[in-house]
Amino acid sequence: DTVYRVHWLCAKALRDRWAEEMLLVKHEMDWTCDFFLHEAEEWIRLGNISRQVHKEGHVGYAARQCKIYQCLYAEASHAF
């Protein structure tokens, strides 16, 4: 009887660890998506500043960086 209890406790501990891991991964993916959105918005802001001072090369670079982060966000949000 004691062997079954020990086995049950080990199995429960393993299940609990996996449940906690799933919770953490979901939160980490939310944080990752939030980061990608923040970076995209930051590059939009920098692009607008560059446009005001007529630095077209900087505008193009900012637009490309923004697009990269938007694509990363789309892939990450679709994956999870």
N, C-alpha and C. Protein backbone atom coordinates (compact mmCIF):
# COMPACT_ATOMS: atom_id res chain seq x y z
N ASP A 1 0.83 -1.20 0.00
CA ASP A 1 0.00 0.00 0.00
C ASP A 1 0.87 1.26 0.00
N THR A 2 1.96 1.22 0.76
CA THR A 2 2.86 2.37 0.82
C THR A 2 3.50 2.64 -0.53
N VAL A 3 3.82 1.59 -1.27
CA VAL A 3 4.42 1.74 -2.60
C VAL A 3 3.47 2.50 -3.53
N TYR A 4 2.19 2.17 -3.47
CA TYR A 4 1.21 2.85 -4.32
C TYR A 4 1.07 4.33 -3.95
N ARG A 5 1.13 4.62 -2.67
CA ARG A 5 1.05 6.02 -2.23
C ARG A 5 2.25 6.82 -2.74
N VAL A 6 3.44 6.22 -2.61
CA VAL A 6 4.65 6.90 -3.09
C VAL A 6 4.57 7.13 -4.60
N HIS A 7 4.16 6.11 -5.33
CA HIS A 7 4.01 6.24 -6.78
C HIS A 7 2.99 7.32 -7.14
N TRP A 8 1.87 7.34 -6.43
CA TRP A 8 0.84 8.35 -6.68
C TRP A 8 1.37 9.75 -6.41
N LEU A 9 2.11 9.92 -5.31
CA LEU A 9 2.67 11.24 -4.98
C LEU A 9 3.69 11.70 -6.02
N CYS A 10 4.50 10.79 -6.50
CA CYS A 10 5.46 11.14 -7.55
C CYS A 10 4.74 11.56 -8.83
N ALA A 11 3.71 10.82 -9.20
CA ALA A 11 2.95 11.16 -10.40
C ALA A 11 2.25 12.50 -10.25
N LYS A 12 1.69 12.76 -9.07
CA LYS A 12 1.03 14.04 -8.81
C LYS A 12 2.02 15.19 -8.88
N ALA A 13 3.20 15.00 -8.31
CA ALA A 13 4.23 16.04 -8.34
C ALA A 13 4.64 16.34 -9.78
N LEU A 14 4.78 15.31 -10.59
CA LEU A 14 5.13 15.49 -12.00
C LEU A 14 4.04 16.26 -12.74
N ARG A 15 2.79 15.88 -12.49
CA ARG A 15 1.67 16.59 -13.12
C ARG A 15 1.63 18.05 -12.69
N ASP A 16 1.84 18.30 -11.43
CA ASP A 16 1.84 19.68 -10.92
C ASP A 16 2.96 20.51 -11.53
N ARG A 17 4.13 19.90 -11.70
CA ARG A 17 5.24 20.62 -12.33
C ARG A 17 4.91 21.00 -13.76
N TRP A 18 4.30 20.07 -14.51
CA TRP A 18 3.94 20.37 -15.90
C TRP A 18 2.84 21.43 -15.97
N ALA A 19 1.91 21.40 -15.06
CA ALA A 19 0.85 22.43 -15.04
C ALA A 19 1.47 23.80 -14.79
N GLU A 20 2.42 23.87 -13.87
CA GLU A 20 3.09 25.14 -13.60
C GLU A 20 3.90 25.59 -14.81
N GLU A 21 4.56 24.67 -15.47
CA GLU A 21 5.35 25.00 -16.66
C GLU A 21 4.47 25.56 -17.76
N MET A 22 3.30 24.96 -17.95
CA MET A 22 2.37 25.46 -18.98
C MET A 22 1.91 26.88 -18.65
N LEU A 23 1.63 27.14 -17.39
CA LEU A 23 1.23 28.48 -16.97
C LEU A 23 2.34 29.49 -17.26
N LEU A 24 3.56 29.12 -16.92
CA LEU A 24 4.69 30.02 -17.14
C LEU A 24 4.93 30.28 -18.63
N VAL A 25 4.82 29.24 -19.44
CA VAL A 25 5.05 29.40 -20.88
C VAL A 25 3.98 30.32 -21.48
N LYS A 26 2.74 30.17 -21.04
CA LYS A 26 1.68 31.05 -21.56
C LYS A 26 1.97 32.51 -21.21
N HIS A 27 2.41 32.76 -19.98
CA HIS A 27 2.74 34.13 -19.59
C HIS A 27 3.95 34.65 -20.36
N GLU A 28 4.95 33.82 -20.56
CA GLU A 28 6.13 34.24 -21.30
C GLU A 28 5.78 34.59 -22.74
N MET A 29 4.88 33.84 -23.34
CA MET A 29 4.47 34.15 -24.71
C MET A 29 3.69 35.46 -24.75
N ASP A 30 2.86 35.72 -23.76
CA ASP A 30 2.17 37.01 -23.70
C ASP A 30 3.18 38.15 -23.58
N TRP A 31 4.18 37.96 -22.73
CA TRP A 31 5.20 39.00 -22.55
C TRP A 31 5.99 39.20 -23.85
N THR A 32 6.27 38.10 -24.55
CA THR A 32 7.01 38.19 -25.82
C THR A 32 6.20 38.96 -26.85
N CYS A 33 4.91 38.65 -26.96
CA CYS A 33 4.05 39.37 -27.91
C CYS A 33 3.97 40.85 -27.55
N ASP A 34 3.83 41.15 -26.27
CA ASP A 34 3.80 42.55 -25.83
C ASP A 34 5.10 43.27 -26.20
N PHE A 35 6.24 42.58 -26.04
CA PHE A 35 7.53 43.17 -26.39
C PHE A 35 7.59 43.48 -27.87
N PHE A 36 7.16 42.53 -28.72
CA PHE A 36 7.19 42.75 -30.17
C PHE A 36 6.32 43.94 -30.56
N LEU A 37 5.14 44.06 -29.95
CA LEU A 37 4.27 45.21 -30.24
C LEU A 37 4.92 46.52 -29.79
N HIS A 38 5.51 46.50 -28.61
CA HIS A 38 6.18 47.70 -28.10
C HIS A 38 7.30 48.13 -29.04
N GLU A 39 8.10 47.18 -29.49
CA GLU A 39 9.21 47.52 -30.39
C GLU A 39 8.68 48.07 -31.72
N ALA A 40 7.62 47.49 -32.26
CA ALA A 40 7.04 47.99 -33.50
C ALA A 40 6.56 49.44 -33.32
N GLU A 41 5.89 49.71 -32.21
CA GLU A 41 5.43 51.07 -31.94
C GLU A 41 6.60 52.04 -31.75
N GLU A 42 7.67 51.56 -31.13
CA GLU A 42 8.86 52.40 -30.94
C GLU A 42 9.50 52.75 -32.28
N TRP A 43 9.56 51.79 -33.22
CA TRP A 43 10.12 52.08 -34.53
C TRP A 43 9.21 53.01 -35.33
N ILE A 44 7.91 52.91 -35.13
CA ILE A 44 7.00 53.88 -35.78
C ILE A 44 7.30 55.28 -35.26
N ARG A 45 7.47 55.40 -33.96
CA ARG A 45 7.78 56.70 -33.35
C ARG A 45 9.10 57.25 -33.89
N LEU A 46 10.11 56.40 -33.95
CA LEU A 46 11.41 56.85 -34.46
C LEU A 46 11.33 57.21 -35.94
N GLY A 47 10.52 56.47 -36.69
CA GLY A 47 10.32 56.81 -38.10
C GLY A 47 9.66 58.16 -38.28
N ASN A 48 8.70 58.47 -37.43
CA ASN A 48 8.04 59.78 -37.50
C ASN A 48 9.00 60.91 -37.17
N ILE A 49 9.85 60.69 -36.18
CA ILE A 49 10.86 61.70 -35.84
C ILE A 49 11.80 61.90 -37.02
N SER A 50 12.24 60.82 -37.62
CA SER A 50 13.16 60.91 -38.76
C SER A 50 12.50 61.61 -39.94
N ARG A 51 11.22 61.37 -40.14
CA ARG A 51 10.50 62.01 -41.24
C ARG A 51 10.44 63.53 -41.03
N GLN A 52 10.28 63.95 -39.78
CA GLN A 52 10.20 65.38 -39.49
C GLN A 52 11.52 66.11 -39.77
N VAL A 53 12.63 65.41 -39.60
CA VAL A 53 13.93 66.05 -39.85
C VAL A 53 14.49 65.65 -41.22
N HIS A 54 13.65 65.06 -42.06
CA HIS A 54 13.97 64.76 -43.46
C HIS A 54 15.16 63.83 -43.61
N LYS A 55 15.21 62.78 -42.81
CA LYS A 55 16.25 61.76 -42.94
C LYS A 55 15.60 60.51 -43.54
N GLU A 56 15.53 60.49 -44.86
CA GLU A 56 14.78 59.44 -45.56
C GLU A 56 15.39 58.06 -45.36
N GLY A 57 16.70 57.98 -45.25
CA GLY A 57 17.33 56.68 -44.99
C GLY A 57 16.91 56.11 -43.65
N HIS A 58 16.84 56.99 -42.66
CA HIS A 58 16.41 56.57 -41.33
C HIS A 58 14.94 56.15 -41.34
N VAL A 59 14.14 56.85 -42.13
CA VAL A 59 12.71 56.51 -42.24
C VAL A 59 12.56 55.10 -42.81
N GLY A 60 13.32 54.82 -43.86
CA GLY A 60 13.26 53.49 -44.47
C GLY A 60 13.70 52.39 -43.51
N TYR A 61 14.78 52.66 -42.78
CA TYR A 61 15.27 51.68 -41.81
C TYR A 61 14.24 51.45 -40.71
N ALA A 62 13.65 52.52 -40.21
CA ALA A 62 12.65 52.40 -39.15
C ALA A 62 11.43 51.62 -39.65
N ALA A 63 11.03 51.87 -40.90
CA ALA A 63 9.88 51.15 -41.45
C ALA A 63 10.18 49.66 -41.56
N ARG A 64 11.40 49.34 -41.96
CA ARG A 64 11.79 47.92 -42.08
C ARG A 64 11.82 47.25 -40.69
N GLN A 65 12.38 47.92 -39.71
CA GLN A 65 12.43 47.36 -38.36
C GLN A 65 11.02 47.17 -37.80
N CYS A 66 10.16 48.14 -38.06
CA CYS A 66 8.77 48.05 -37.60
C CYS A 66 8.11 46.82 -38.23
N LYS A 67 8.32 46.62 -39.52
CA LYS A 67 7.72 45.49 -40.22
C LYS A 67 8.23 44.16 -39.65
N ILE A 68 9.52 44.11 -39.32
CA ILE A 68 10.09 42.89 -38.72
C ILE A 68 9.38 42.56 -37.42
N TYR A 69 9.23 43.56 -36.55
CA TYR A 69 8.59 43.30 -35.26
C TYR A 69 7.10 43.00 -35.41
N GLN A 70 6.45 43.59 -36.40
CA GLN A 70 5.05 43.26 -36.64
C GLN A 70 4.91 41.81 -37.10
N CYS A 71 5.83 41.37 -37.95
CA CYS A 71 5.80 39.97 -38.41
C CYS A 71 6.10 39.01 -37.26
N LEU A 72 7.06 39.37 -36.43
CA LEU A 72 7.36 38.54 -35.27
C LEU A 72 6.14 38.42 -34.35
N TYR A 73 5.46 39.54 -34.15
CA TYR A 73 4.26 39.53 -33.33
C TYR A 73 3.19 38.63 -33.94
N ALA A 74 2.98 38.76 -35.26
CA ALA A 74 1.95 37.95 -35.91
C ALA A 74 2.26 36.46 -35.79
N GLU A 75 3.52 36.09 -36.00
CA GLU A 75 3.89 34.68 -35.89
C GLU A 75 3.75 34.16 -34.46
N ALA A 76 4.20 34.96 -33.50
CA ALA A 76 4.14 34.53 -32.10
C ALA A 76 2.69 34.42 -31.63
N SER A 77 1.86 35.39 -32.00
CA SER A 77 0.46 35.33 -31.55
C SER A 77 -0.29 34.20 -32.23
N HIS A 78 0.08 33.88 -33.47
CA HIS A 78 -0.56 32.77 -34.17
C HIS A 78 -0.11 31.42 -33.59
N ALA A 79 1.15 31.34 -33.18
CA ALA A 79 1.69 30.08 -32.66
C ALA A 79 1.10 29.73 -31.30
N PHE A 80 0.71 30.75 -30.53
CA PHE A 80 0.18 30.49 -29.20
C PHE A 80 -1.18 31.13 -29.08
